[in-house]
């Protein structure tokens, strides 16, 4: 895992909002909670998001 040992947790906030044309918009926000002695690497976060969206 790309962020193993770096994060305490990740919180996901997902909101699905109906649109006037009968469809919907899905909004997804991820909040990363790093361990106190760690600085997050934006490239690793981006790679982790891409892997999660891929579904593998």
Protein backbone atom coordinates (compact mmCIF):
# COMPACT_ATOMS: atom_id res chain seq x y z
CA UNK A 1 0.00 0.00 0.00
CA UNK A 2 1.30 3.43 -0.93
CA UNK A 3 0.41 5.18 2.34
CA UNK A 4 0.87 2.27 4.72
CA UNK A 5 2.37 3.38 8.02
CA UNK A 6 1.79 7.05 7.16
CA UNK A 7 -1.89 7.54 7.99
CA UNK A 8 -3.94 7.10 11.13
CA UNK A 9 -7.12 7.09 9.02
CA UNK A 10 -8.96 8.40 5.96
CA UNK A 11 -12.49 9.75 6.20
CA UNK A 12 -14.66 9.68 3.08
CA UNK A 13 -17.60 12.05 2.60
CA UNK A 14 -19.87 11.13 -0.31
CA UNK A 15 -22.86 13.22 -1.35
CA UNK A 16 -25.22 12.33 -4.20
CA UNK A 17 -27.37 15.24 -5.38
CA UNK A 18 -30.26 14.86 -7.86
CA UNK A 19 -30.23 17.09 -10.93
CA UNK A 20 -33.21 18.65 -12.69
CA UNK A 21 -32.84 16.36 -15.72
CA UNK A 22 -33.33 13.18 -13.67
CA UNK A 23 -29.66 12.35 -13.21
CA UNK A 24 -27.40 13.01 -10.28
CA UNK A 25 -24.04 14.47 -9.31
CA UNK A 26 -21.77 12.52 -6.99
CA UNK A 27 -19.39 14.58 -4.85
CA UNK A 28 -16.58 12.78 -3.03
CA UNK A 29 -14.26 14.33 -0.45
CA UNK A 30 -11.43 12.48 1.26
CA UNK A 31 -9.89 13.75 4.51
CA UNK A 32 -6.47 12.29 5.32
CA UNK A 33 -5.38 12.08 8.95
CA UNK A 34 -1.59 11.51 9.01
CA UNK A 35 0.35 10.22 11.97
CA UNK A 36 1.70 13.11 14.03
CA UNK A 37 5.32 12.73 12.92
CA UNK A 38 4.61 12.36 9.18
CA UNK A 39 4.39 14.87 6.35
CA UNK A 40 2.11 13.73 3.51
CA UNK A 41 3.47 13.30 -0.01
CA UNK A 42 0.93 14.71 -2.50
CA UNK A 43 2.10 12.33 -5.25
CA UNK A 44 1.40 9.29 -3.04
CA UNK A 45 -2.04 10.66 -2.16
CA UNK A 46 -2.85 11.18 -5.85
CA UNK A 47 -1.66 7.66 -6.71
CA UNK A 48 -3.76 6.22 -3.87
CA UNK A 49 -6.87 8.06 -5.10
CA UNK A 50 -6.32 6.81 -8.65
CA UNK A 51 -5.92 3.25 -7.39
CA UNK A 52 -9.12 3.53 -5.32
CA UNK A 53 -11.08 4.87 -8.28
CA UNK A 54 -9.80 2.00 -10.42
CA UNK A 55 -11.50 -0.48 -8.08
CA UNK A 56 -8.60 -2.94 -7.82
